[in-house]
Amino acid sequence: MGCWMGDGEETACLDISDISITGAFVATQHPLPEGKTIRLELYTSHSARPVGIKAEVVWSRTEDDGDEEAGMGIRFLELDEEKRRLLLELAELERARSQSP
C-alpha cells in the first residue's frame, strides 16, 4: 500500500506493509535514523482526504544489512479511536490480499 511520508524536511510516496495497530514496515532505500518522528498520510476508500498519523522510526536497515528489504520499522503515536479503526481495517485488508491466490 502506498502512503505519503514526511519528516519535516522532505516528503515522499513510499510503500507501507506489515501494518498492525502498533506499527508497520516502510520500504525505502534511504531509511531515516531511529528515533526520528514522521507523519504518514494514508488514503482509504472511505475518505477522499488522507488520514494523518504520527509515527516514530524504531529501527532501520539498508540493503547492505543482508538479504532483507531496505526500509524501516515505525511505531504509531497518538492514535485516537478513528485512527485505530483505520489501522485495523488496513491490517485486515492487507492480510486478506496476502491470502488471495
PDB file of N, CA and C in Angstrom:
ATOM      1  N   MET A   1       0.851  -1.166   0.000  1.00  0.00           N
ATOM      2  CA  MET A   1       0.000   0.000   0.000  1.00  0.00           C
ATOM      3  C   MET A   1       0.898   1.231   0.000  1.00  0.00           C
ATOM      4  N   GLY A   2       0.540   2.215  -0.744  1.00  0.00           N
ATOM      5  CA  GLY A   2       1.313   3.440  -0.801  1.00  0.00           C
ATOM      6  C   GLY A   2       0.830   4.457   0.224  1.00  0.00           C
ATOM      7  N   CYS A   3       1.728   5.300   0.669  1.00  0.00           N
ATOM      8  CA  CYS A   3       1.379   6.381   1.579  1.00  0.00           C
ATOM      9  C   CYS A   3       2.372   7.511   1.373  1.00  0.00           C
ATOM     10  N   TRP A   4       1.982   8.696   1.798  1.00  0.00           N
ATOM     11  CA  TRP A   4       2.904   9.822   1.799  1.00  0.00           C
ATOM     12  C   TRP A   4       3.538   9.881   3.168  1.00  0.00           C
ATOM     13  N   MET A   5       4.843  10.121   3.211  1.00  0.00           N
ATOM     14  CA  MET A   5       5.548  10.224   4.469  1.00  0.00           C
ATOM     15  C   MET A   5       6.391  11.484   4.454  1.00  0.00           C
ATOM     16  N   GLY A   6       6.318  12.238   5.545  1.00  0.00           N
ATOM     17  CA  GLY A   6       7.138  13.430   5.674  1.00  0.00           C
ATOM     18  C   GLY A   6       7.824  13.460   7.025  1.00  0.00           C
ATOM     19  N   ASP A   7       9.013  14.059   7.041  1.00  0.00           N
ATOM     20  CA  ASP A   7       9.759  14.171   8.292  1.00  0.00           C
ATOM     21  C   ASP A   7      10.034  15.620   8.668  1.00  0.00           C
ATOM     22  N   GLY A   8       9.323  16.553   8.050  1.00  0.00           N
ATOM     23  CA  GLY A   8       9.540  17.960   8.315  1.00  0.00           C
ATOM     24  C   GLY A   8      10.514  18.603   7.345  1.00  0.00           C
ATOM     25  N   GLU A   9      11.305  17.782   6.675  1.00  0.00           N
ATOM     26  CA  GLU A   9      12.268  18.286   5.706  1.00  0.00           C
ATOM     27  C   GLU A   9      11.926  17.833   4.296  1.00  0.00           C
ATOM     28  N   GLU A  10      11.528  16.577   4.158  1.00  0.00           N
ATOM     29  CA  GLU A  10      11.206  16.007   2.856  1.00  0.00           C
ATOM     30  C   GLU A  10       9.897  15.237   2.940  1.00  0.00           C
ATOM     31  N   THR A  11       9.266  15.067   1.778  1.00  0.00           N
ATOM     32  CA  THR A  11       8.062  14.258   1.673  1.00  0.00           C
ATOM     33  C   THR A  11       8.260  13.291   0.519  1.00  0.00           C
ATOM     34  N   ALA A  12       7.817  12.042   0.706  1.00  0.00           N
ATOM     35  CA  ALA A  12       7.972  11.028  -0.335  1.00  0.00           C
ATOM     36  C   ALA A  12       6.785  10.080  -0.315  1.00  0.00           C
ATOM     37  N   CYS A  13       6.487   9.503  -1.457  1.00  0.00           N
ATOM     38  CA  CYS A  13       5.468   8.461  -1.556  1.00  0.00           C
ATOM     39  C   CYS A  13       6.197   7.124  -1.458  1.00  0.00           C
ATOM     40  N   LEU A  14       5.841   6.333  -0.437  1.00  0.00           N
ATOM     41  CA  LEU A  14       6.537   5.080  -0.166  1.00  0.00           C
ATOM     42  C   LEU A  14       5.540   3.953   0.039  1.00  0.00           C
ATOM     43  N   ASP A  15       6.033   2.724  -0.028  1.00  0.00           N
ATOM     44  CA  ASP A  15       5.203   1.551   0.242  1.00  0.00           C
ATOM     45  C   ASP A  15       5.259   1.206   1.714  1.00  0.00           C
ATOM     46  N   ILE A  16       4.091   0.892   2.269  1.00  0.00           N
ATOM     47  CA  ILE A  16       3.980   0.503   3.669  1.00  0.00           C
ATOM     48  C   ILE A  16       3.347  -0.886   3.715  1.00  0.00           C
ATOM     49  N   SER A  17       3.840  -1.743   4.609  1.00  0.00           N
ATOM     50  CA  SER A  17       3.310  -3.106   4.719  1.00  0.00           C
ATOM     51  C   SER A  17       3.449  -3.585   6.156  1.00  0.00           C
ATOM     52  N   ASP A  18       3.026  -4.819   6.383  1.00  0.00           N
ATOM     53  CA  ASP A  18       3.057  -5.403   7.730  1.00  0.00           C
ATOM     54  C   ASP A  18       2.387  -4.480   8.745  1.00  0.00           C
ATOM     55  N   ILE A  19       1.237  -3.942   8.345  1.00  0.00           N
ATOM     56  CA  ILE A  19       0.525  -2.980   9.189  1.00  0.00           C
ATOM     57  C   ILE A  19      -0.135  -3.695  10.359  1.00  0.00           C
ATOM     58  N   SER A  20       0.007  -3.101  11.536  1.00  0.00           N
ATOM     59  CA  SER A  20      -0.699  -3.571  12.728  1.00  0.00           C
ATOM     60  C   SER A  20      -1.183  -2.336  13.486  1.00  0.00           C
ATOM     61  N   ILE A  21      -1.829  -2.554  14.592  1.00  0.00           N
ATOM     62  CA  ILE A  21      -2.322  -1.433  15.396  1.00  0.00           C
ATOM     63  C   ILE A  21      -1.164  -0.660  16.035  1.00  0.00           C
ATOM     64  N   THR A  22       0.011  -1.272  16.125  1.00  0.00           N
ATOM     65  CA  THR A  22       1.132  -0.611  16.785  1.00  0.00           C
ATOM     66  C   THR A  22       2.168  -0.031  15.833  1.00  0.00           C
ATOM     67  N   GLY A  23       2.260  -0.570  14.604  1.00  0.00           N
ATOM     68  CA  GLY A  23       3.281  -0.070  13.699  1.00  0.00           C
ATOM     69  C   GLY A  23       3.228  -0.720  12.341  1.00  0.00           C
ATOM     70  N   ALA A  24       4.297  -0.509  11.558  1.00  0.00           N
ATOM     71  CA  ALA A  24       4.340  -1.021  10.189  1.00  0.00           C
ATOM     72  C   ALA A  24       5.780  -1.005   9.682  1.00  0.00           C
ATOM     73  N   PHE A  25       5.953  -1.549   8.479  1.00  0.00           N
ATOM     74  CA  PHE A  25       7.228  -1.511   7.776  1.00  0.00           C
ATOM     75  C   PHE A  25       7.099  -0.548   6.608  1.00  0.00           C
ATOM     76  N   VAL A  26       8.080   0.329   6.433  1.00  0.00           N
ATOM     77  CA  VAL A  26       8.112   1.263   5.312  1.00  0.00           C
ATOM     78  C   VAL A  26       9.319   0.910   4.455  1.00  0.00           C
ATOM     79  N   ALA A  27       9.066   0.518   3.210  1.00  0.00           N
ATOM     80  CA  ALA A  27      10.147   0.170   2.283  1.00  0.00           C
ATOM     81  C   ALA A  27      10.763   1.446   1.721  1.00  0.00           C
ATOM     82  N   THR A  28      12.078   1.573   1.867  1.00  0.00           N
ATOM     83  CA  THR A  28      12.792   2.729   1.327  1.00  0.00           C
ATOM     84  C   THR A  28      14.276   2.418   1.250  1.00  0.00           C
ATOM     85  N   GLN A  29      14.915   2.914   0.212  1.00  0.00           N
ATOM     86  CA  GLN A  29      16.359   2.756   0.063  1.00  0.00           C
ATOM     87  C   GLN A  29      17.120   3.732   0.962  1.00  0.00           C
ATOM     88  N   HIS A  30      16.388   4.703   1.526  1.00  0.00           N
ATOM     89  CA  HIS A  30      17.003   5.730   2.365  1.00  0.00           C
ATOM     90  C   HIS A  30      16.266   5.823   3.696  1.00  0.00           C
ATOM     91  N   PRO A  31      16.412   4.794   4.550  1.00  0.00           N
ATOM     92  CA  PRO A  31      15.696   4.818   5.825  1.00  0.00           C
ATOM     93  C   PRO A  31      16.191   5.947   6.731  1.00  0.00           C
ATOM     94  N   LEU A  32      15.277   6.459   7.523  1.00  0.00           N
ATOM     95  CA  LEU A  32      15.606   7.515   8.474  1.00  0.00           C
ATOM     96  C   LEU A  32      16.202   6.901   9.738  1.00  0.00           C
ATOM     97  N   PRO A  33      16.891   7.689  10.531  1.00  0.00           N
ATOM     98  CA  PRO A  33      17.513   7.146  11.744  1.00  0.00           C
ATOM     99  C   PRO A  33      16.479   6.815  12.822  1.00  0.00           C
ATOM    100  N   GLU A  34      16.841   5.881  13.691  1.00  0.00           N
ATOM    101  CA  GLU A  34      15.982   5.531  14.817  1.00  0.00           C
ATOM    102  C   GLU A  34      15.699   6.768  15.658  1.00  0.00           C
ATOM    103  N   GLY A  35      14.463   6.866  16.142  1.00  0.00           N
ATOM    104  CA  GLY A  35      14.067   7.998  16.973  1.00  0.00           C
ATOM    105  C   GLY A  35      13.469   9.160  16.200  1.00  0.00           C
ATOM    106  N   LYS A  36      13.604   9.162  14.871  1.00  0.00           N
ATOM    107  CA  LYS A  36      13.064  10.243  14.043  1.00  0.00           C
ATOM    108  C   LYS A  36      11.537  10.176  14.042  1.00  0.00           C
ATOM    109  N   THR A  37      10.873  11.305  14.235  1.00  0.00           N
ATOM    110  CA  THR A  37       9.417  11.373  14.181  1.00  0.00           C
ATOM    111  C   THR A  37       8.991  11.734  12.764  1.00  0.00           C
ATOM    112  N   ILE A  38       7.987  11.024  12.261  1.00  0.00           N
ATOM    113  CA  ILE A  38       7.493  11.250  10.900  1.00  0.00           C
ATOM    114  C   ILE A  38       5.973  11.387  10.923  1.00  0.00           C
ATOM    115  N   ARG A  39       5.427  11.821   9.805  1.00  0.00           N
ATOM    116  CA  ARG A  39       3.976  11.914   9.646  1.00  0.00           C
ATOM    117  C   ARG A  39       3.600  11.164   8.374  1.00  0.00           C
ATOM    118  N   LEU A  40       2.661  10.236   8.501  1.00  0.00           N
ATOM    119  CA  LEU A  40       2.148   9.490   7.364  1.00  0.00           C
ATOM    120  C   LEU A  40       0.811  10.054   6.943  1.00  0.00           C
ATOM    121  N   GLU A  41       0.543  10.042   5.666  1.00  0.00           N
ATOM    122  CA  GLU A  41      -0.754  10.412   5.110  1.00  0.00           C
ATOM    123  C   GLU A  41      -1.278   9.183   4.381  1.00  0.00           C
ATOM    124  N   LEU A  42      -2.287   8.541   4.943  1.00  0.00           N
ATOM    125  CA  LEU A  42      -2.859   7.320   4.369  1.00  0.00           C
ATOM    126  C   LEU A  42      -4.182   7.644   3.692  1.00  0.00           C
ATOM    127  N   TYR A  43      -4.357   7.147   2.499  1.00  0.00           N
ATOM    128  CA  TYR A  43      -5.607   7.318   1.765  1.00  0.00           C
ATOM    129  C   TYR A  43      -6.388   6.012   1.830  1.00  0.00           C
ATOM    130  N   THR A  44      -7.678   6.117   2.037  1.00  0.00           N
ATOM    131  CA  THR A  44      -8.523   4.930   2.131  1.00  0.00           C
ATOM    132  C   THR A  44      -9.695   5.060   1.179  1.00  0.00           C
ATOM    133  N   SER A  45     -10.413   3.976   1.012  1.00  0.00           N
ATOM    134  CA  SER A  45     -11.609   4.000   0.171  1.00  0.00           C
ATOM    135  C   SER A  45     -12.778   4.687   0.882  1.00  0.00           C
ATOM    136  N   HIS A  46     -12.623   4.976   2.174  1.00  0.00           N
ATOM    137  CA  HIS A  46     -13.701   5.589   2.957  1.00  0.00           C
ATOM    138  C   HIS A  46     -13.667   7.110   2.949  1.00  0.00           C
ATOM    139  N   SER A  47     -12.594   7.703   2.453  1.00  0.00           N
ATOM    140  CA  SER A  47     -12.463   9.148   2.534  1.00  0.00           C
ATOM    141  C   SER A  47     -11.628   9.666   1.376  1.00  0.00           C
ATOM    142  N   ALA A  48     -12.010  10.826   0.876  1.00  0.00           N
ATOM    143  CA  ALA A  48     -11.232  11.466  -0.180  1.00  0.00           C
ATOM    144  C   ALA A  48     -10.027  12.195   0.411  1.00  0.00           C
ATOM    145  N   ARG A  49     -10.095  12.487   1.706  1.00  0.00           N
ATOM    146  CA  ARG A  49      -8.991  13.153   2.394  1.00  0.00           C
ATOM    147  C   ARG A  49      -8.083  12.117   3.061  1.00  0.00           C
ATOM    148  N   PRO A  50      -6.795  12.407   3.126  1.00  0.00           N
ATOM    149  CA  PRO A  50      -5.896  11.459   3.793  1.00  0.00           C
ATOM    150  C   PRO A  50      -6.083  11.502   5.309  1.00  0.00           C
ATOM    151  N   VAL A  51      -5.724  10.404   5.945  1.00  0.00           N
ATOM    152  CA  VAL A  51      -5.709  10.333   7.399  1.00  0.00           C
ATOM    153  C   VAL A  51      -4.260  10.483   7.833  1.00  0.00           C
ATOM    154  N   GLY A  52      -3.976  11.488   8.638  1.00  0.00           N
ATOM    155  CA  GLY A  52      -2.616  11.731   9.107  1.00  0.00           C
ATOM    156  C   GLY A  52      -2.327  10.963  10.382  1.00  0.00           C
ATOM    157  N   ILE A  53      -1.199  10.285  10.401  1.00  0.00           N
ATOM    158  CA  ILE A  53      -0.788   9.516  11.571  1.00  0.00           C
ATOM    159  C   ILE A  53       0.669   9.836  11.878  1.00  0.00           C
ATOM    160  N   LYS A  54       0.911  10.183  13.120  1.00  0.00           N
ATOM    161  CA  LYS A  54       2.273  10.449  13.594  1.00  0.00           C
ATOM    162  C   LYS A  54       2.925   9.126  13.973  1.00  0.00           C
ATOM    163  N   ALA A  55       4.222   8.983  13.666  1.00  0.00           N
ATOM    164  CA  ALA A  55       4.937   7.735  13.957  1.00  0.00           C
ATOM    165  C   ALA A  55       6.391   8.045  14.283  1.00  0.00           C
ATOM    166  N   GLU A  56       7.050   7.049  14.857  1.00  0.00           N
ATOM    167  CA  GLU A  56       8.465   7.153  15.201  1.00  0.00           C
ATOM    168  C   GLU A  56       9.214   5.979  14.578  1.00  0.00           C
ATOM    169  N   VAL A  57      10.378   6.250  14.029  1.00  0.00           N
ATOM    170  CA  VAL A  57      11.228   5.189  13.485  1.00  0.00           C
ATOM    171  C   VAL A  57      11.847   4.434  14.665  1.00  0.00           C
ATOM    172  N   VAL A  58      11.623   3.110  14.714  1.00  0.00           N
ATOM    173  CA  VAL A  58      12.170   2.312  15.814  1.00  0.00           C
ATOM    174  C   VAL A  58      13.354   1.447  15.372  1.00  0.00           C
ATOM    175  N   TRP A  59      13.483   1.183  14.081  1.00  0.00           N
ATOM    176  CA  TRP A  59      14.659   0.510  13.539  1.00  0.00           C
ATOM    177  C   TRP A  59      14.738   0.810  12.054  1.00  0.00           C
ATOM    178  N   SER A  60      15.936   0.687  11.505  1.00  0.00           N
ATOM    179  CA  SER A  60      16.108   0.892  10.064  1.00  0.00           C
ATOM    180  C   SER A  60      17.243  -0.004   9.573  1.00  0.00           C
ATOM    181  N   ARG A  61      17.164  -0.333   8.286  1.00  0.00           N
ATOM    182  CA  ARG A  61      18.220  -1.141   7.674  1.00  0.00           C
ATOM    183  C   ARG A  61      18.367  -0.746   6.205  1.00  0.00           C
ATOM    184  N   THR A  62      19.587  -0.865   5.718  1.00  0.00           N
ATOM    185  CA  THR A  62      19.865  -0.587   4.319  1.00  0.00           C
ATOM    186  C   THR A  62      20.017  -1.918   3.595  1.00  0.00           C
ATOM    187  N   GLU A  63      20.135  -1.871   2.290  1.00  0.00           N
ATOM    188  CA  GLU A  63      20.279  -3.116   1.524  1.00  0.00           C
ATOM    189  C   GLU A  63      21.605  -3.808   1.847  1.00  0.00           C
ATOM    190  N   ASP A  64      22.539  -3.089   2.435  1.00  0.00           N
ATOM    191  CA  ASP A  64      23.827  -3.674   2.814  1.00  0.00           C
ATOM    192  C   ASP A  64      23.722  -4.522   4.084  1.00  0.00           C
ATOM    193  N   ASP A  65      22.578  -4.502   4.751  1.00  0.00           N
ATOM    194  CA  ASP A  65      22.399  -5.214   6.019  1.00  0.00           C
ATOM    195  C   ASP A  65      21.995  -6.667   5.844  1.00  0.00           C
ATOM    196  N   GLY A  66      22.132  -7.228   4.655  1.00  0.00           N
ATOM    197  CA  GLY A  66      21.800  -8.634   4.447  1.00  0.00           C
ATOM    198  C   GLY A  66      20.769  -8.833   3.359  1.00  0.00           C
ATOM    199  N   ASP A  67      20.024  -9.931   3.484  1.00  0.00           N
ATOM    200  CA  ASP A  67      19.060 -10.310   2.458  1.00  0.00           C
ATOM    201  C   ASP A  67      17.709  -9.617   2.608  1.00  0.00           C
ATOM    202  N   GLU A  68      17.499  -8.916   3.698  1.00  0.00           N
ATOM    203  CA  GLU A  68      16.218  -8.265   3.951  1.00  0.00           C
ATOM    204  C   GLU A  68      16.061  -7.017   3.085  1.00  0.00           C
ATOM    205  N   GLU A  69      14.803  -6.665   2.829  1.00  0.00           N
ATOM    206  CA  GLU A  69      14.493  -5.456   2.071  1.00  0.00           C
ATOM    207  C   GLU A  69      14.877  -4.211   2.869  1.00  0.00           C
ATOM    208  N   ALA A  70      15.452  -3.218   2.189  1.00  0.00           N
ATOM    209  CA  ALA A  70      15.815  -1.971   2.859  1.00  0.00           C
ATOM    210  C   ALA A  70      14.554  -1.243   3.302  1.00  0.00           C
ATOM    211  N   GLY A  71      14.617  -0.618   4.457  1.00  0.00           N
ATOM    212  CA  GLY A  71      13.470   0.127   4.958  1.00  0.00           C
ATOM    213  C   GLY A  71      13.587   0.397   6.437  1.00  0.00           C
ATOM    214  N   MET A  72      12.423   0.652   7.053  1.00  0.00           N
ATOM    215  CA  MET A  72      12.420   0.973   8.474  1.00  0.00           C
ATOM    216  C   MET A  72      11.124   0.530   9.124  1.00  0.00           C
ATOM    217  N   GLY A  73      11.233   0.188  10.381  1.00  0.00           N
ATOM    218  CA  GLY A  73      10.074  -0.150  11.181  1.00  0.00           C
ATOM    219  C   GLY A  73       9.620   1.084  11.924  1.00  0.00           C
ATOM    220  N   ILE A  74       8.315   1.315  11.938  1.00  0.00           N
ATOM    221  CA  ILE A  74       7.790   2.502  12.613  1.00  0.00           C
ATOM    222  C   ILE A  74       6.761   2.102  13.665  1.00  0.00           C
ATOM    223  N   ARG A  75       6.664   2.919  14.701  1.00  0.00           N
ATOM    224  CA  ARG A  75       5.658   2.739  15.750  1.00  0.00           C
ATOM    225  C   ARG A  75       4.712   3.929  15.674  1.00  0.00           C
ATOM    226  N   PHE A  76       3.410   3.640  15.621  1.00  0.00           N
ATOM    227  CA  PHE A  76       2.408   4.694  15.556  1.00  0.00           C
ATOM    228  C   PHE A  76       2.285   5.390  16.907  1.00  0.00           C
ATOM    229  N   LEU A  77       2.077   6.696  16.869  1.00  0.00           N
ATOM    230  CA  LEU A  77       1.968   7.513  18.068  1.00  0.00           C
ATOM    231  C   LEU A  77       0.628   8.247  18.096  1.00  0.00           C
ATOM    232  N   GLU A  78       0.133   8.514  19.285  1.00  0.00           N
ATOM    233  CA  GLU A  78      -1.034   9.390  19.491  1.00  0.00           C
ATOM    234  C   GLU A  78      -2.242   8.978  18.656  1.00  0.00           C
ATOM    235  N   LEU A  79      -2.633   7.718  18.744  1.00  0.00           N
ATOM    236  CA  LEU A  79      -3.764   7.219  17.964  1.00  0.00           C
ATOM    237  C   LEU A  79      -5.082   7.460  18.702  1.00  0.00           C
ATOM    238  N   ASP A  80      -6.024   8.083  18.010  1.00  0.00           N
ATOM    239  CA  ASP A  80      -7.371   8.179  18.561  1.00  0.00           C
ATOM    240  C   ASP A  80      -8.185   6.985  18.049  1.00  0.00           C
ATOM    241  N   GLU A  81      -9.435   6.909  18.437  1.00  0.00           N
ATOM    242  CA  GLU A  81     -10.262   5.754  18.085  1.00  0.00           C
ATOM    243  C   GLU A  81     -10.446   5.614  16.568  1.00  0.00           C
ATOM    244  N   GLU A  82     -10.618   6.721  15.867  1.00  0.00           N
ATOM    245  CA  GLU A  82     -10.786   6.685  14.407  1.00  0.00           C
ATOM    246  C   GLU A  82      -9.543   6.106  13.727  1.00  0.00           C
ATOM    247  N   LYS A  83      -8.369   6.532  14.163  1.00  0.00           N
ATOM    248  CA  LYS A  83      -7.133   6.050  13.556  1.00  0.00           C
ATOM    249  C   LYS A  83      -6.885   4.584  13.895  1.00  0.00           C
ATOM    250  N   ARG A  84      -7.256   4.162  15.096  1.00  0.00           N
ATOM    251  CA  ARG A  84      -7.134   2.744  15.468  1.00  0.00           C
ATOM    252  C   ARG A  84      -8.032   1.875  14.569  1.00  0.00           C
ATOM    253  N   ARG A  85      -9.264   2.324  14.340  1.00  0.00           N
ATOM    254  CA  ARG A  85     -10.178   1.585  13.458  1.00  0.00           C
ATOM    255  C   ARG A  85      -9.609   1.487  12.054  1.00  0.00           C
ATOM    256  N   LEU A  86      -9.077   2.593  11.554  1.00  0.00           N
ATOM    257  CA  LEU A  86      -8.488   2.612  10.216  1.00  0.00           C
ATOM    258  C   LEU A  86      -7.337   1.613  10.124  1.00  0.00           C
ATOM    259  N   LEU A  87      -6.455   1.604  11.108  1.00  0.00           N
ATOM    260  CA  LEU A  87      -5.311   0.683  11.083  1.00  0.00           C
ATOM    261  C   LEU A  87      -5.764  -0.766  11.147  1.00  0.00           C
ATOM    262  N   LEU A  88      -6.782  -1.051  11.943  1.00  0.00           N
ATOM    263  CA  LEU A  88      -7.319  -2.409  11.985  1.00  0.00           C
ATOM    264  C   LEU A  88      -7.881  -2.817  10.632  1.00  0.00           C
ATOM    265  N   GLU A  89      -8.606  -1.916   9.980  1.00  0.00           N
ATOM    266  CA  GLU A  89      -9.154  -2.191   8.644  1.00  0.00           C
ATOM    267  C   GLU A  89      -8.030  -2.443   7.638  1.00  0.00           C
ATOM    268  N   LEU A  90      -6.998  -1.605   7.670  1.00  0.00           N
ATOM    269  CA  LEU A  90      -5.896  -1.756   6.728  1.00  0.00           C
ATOM    270  C   LEU A  90      -5.141  -3.057   6.969  1.00  0.00           C
ATOM    271  N   ALA A  91      -4.961  -3.429   8.232  1.00  0.00           N
ATOM    272  CA  ALA A  91      -4.281  -4.690   8.550  1.00  0.00           C
ATOM    273  C   ALA A  91      -5.096  -5.873   8.043  1.00  0.00           C
ATOM    274  N   GLU A  92      -6.410  -5.826   8.213  1.00  0.00           N
ATOM    275  CA  GLU A  92      -7.277  -6.904   7.718  1.00  0.00           C
ATOM    276  C   GLU A  92      -7.252  -6.966   6.196  1.00  0.00           C
ATOM    277  N   LEU A  93      -7.301  -5.828   5.550  1.00  0.00           N
ATOM    278  CA  LEU A  93      -7.245  -5.777   4.080  1.00  0.00           C
ATOM    279  C   LEU A  93      -5.922  -6.347   3.574  1.00  0.00           C
ATOM    280  N   GLU A  94      -4.830  -5.973   4.198  1.00  0.00           N
ATOM    281  CA  GLU A  94      -3.515  -6.496   3.803  1.00  0.00           C
ATOM    282  C   GLU A  94      -3.451  -8.010   4.000  1.00  0.00           C
ATOM    283  N   ARG A  95      -3.975  -8.491   5.117  1.00  0.00           N
ATOM    284  CA  ARG A  95      -3.983  -9.933   5.397  1.00  0.00           C
ATOM    285  C   ARG A  95      -4.819 -10.674   4.356  1.00  0.00           C
ATOM    286  N   ALA A  96      -5.983 -10.145   3.997  1.00  0.00           N
ATOM    287  CA  ALA A  96      -6.846 -10.772   3.002  1.00  0.00           C
ATOM    288  C   ALA A  96      -6.164 -10.816   1.633  1.00  0.00           C
ATOM    289  N   ARG A  97      -5.491  -9.739   1.265  1.00  0.00           N
ATOM    290  CA  ARG A  97      -4.790  -9.700  -0.026  1.00  0.00           C
ATOM    291  C   ARG A  97      -3.665 -10.721  -0.076  1.00  0.00           C
ATOM    292  N   SER A  98      -2.950 -10.882   1.025  1.00  0.00           N
ATOM    293  CA  SER A  98      -1.832 -11.817   1.039  1.00  0.00           C
ATOM    294  C   SER A  98      -2.290 -13.278   0.991  1.00  0.00           C
ATOM    295  N   GLN A  99      -3.534 -13.544   1.382  1.00  0.00           N
ATOM    296  CA  GLN A  99      -4.049 -14.908   1.365  1.00  0.00           C
ATOM    297  C   GLN A  99      -4.779 -15.247   0.080  1.00  0.00           C
ATOM    298  N   SER A 100      -5.022 -14.237  -0.765  1.00  0.00           N
ATOM    299  CA  SER A 100      -5.691 -14.474  -2.042  1.00  0.00           C
ATOM    300  C   SER A 100      -4.742 -15.165  -3.008  1.00  0.00           C
ATOM    301  N   PRO A 101      -5.276 -16.101  -3.823  1.00  0.00           N
ATOM    302  CA  PRO A 101      -4.411 -16.798  -4.793  1.00  0.00           C
ATOM    303  C   PRO A 101      -3.966 -15.897  -5.927  1.00  0.00           C
TER     304      PRO A 101
END
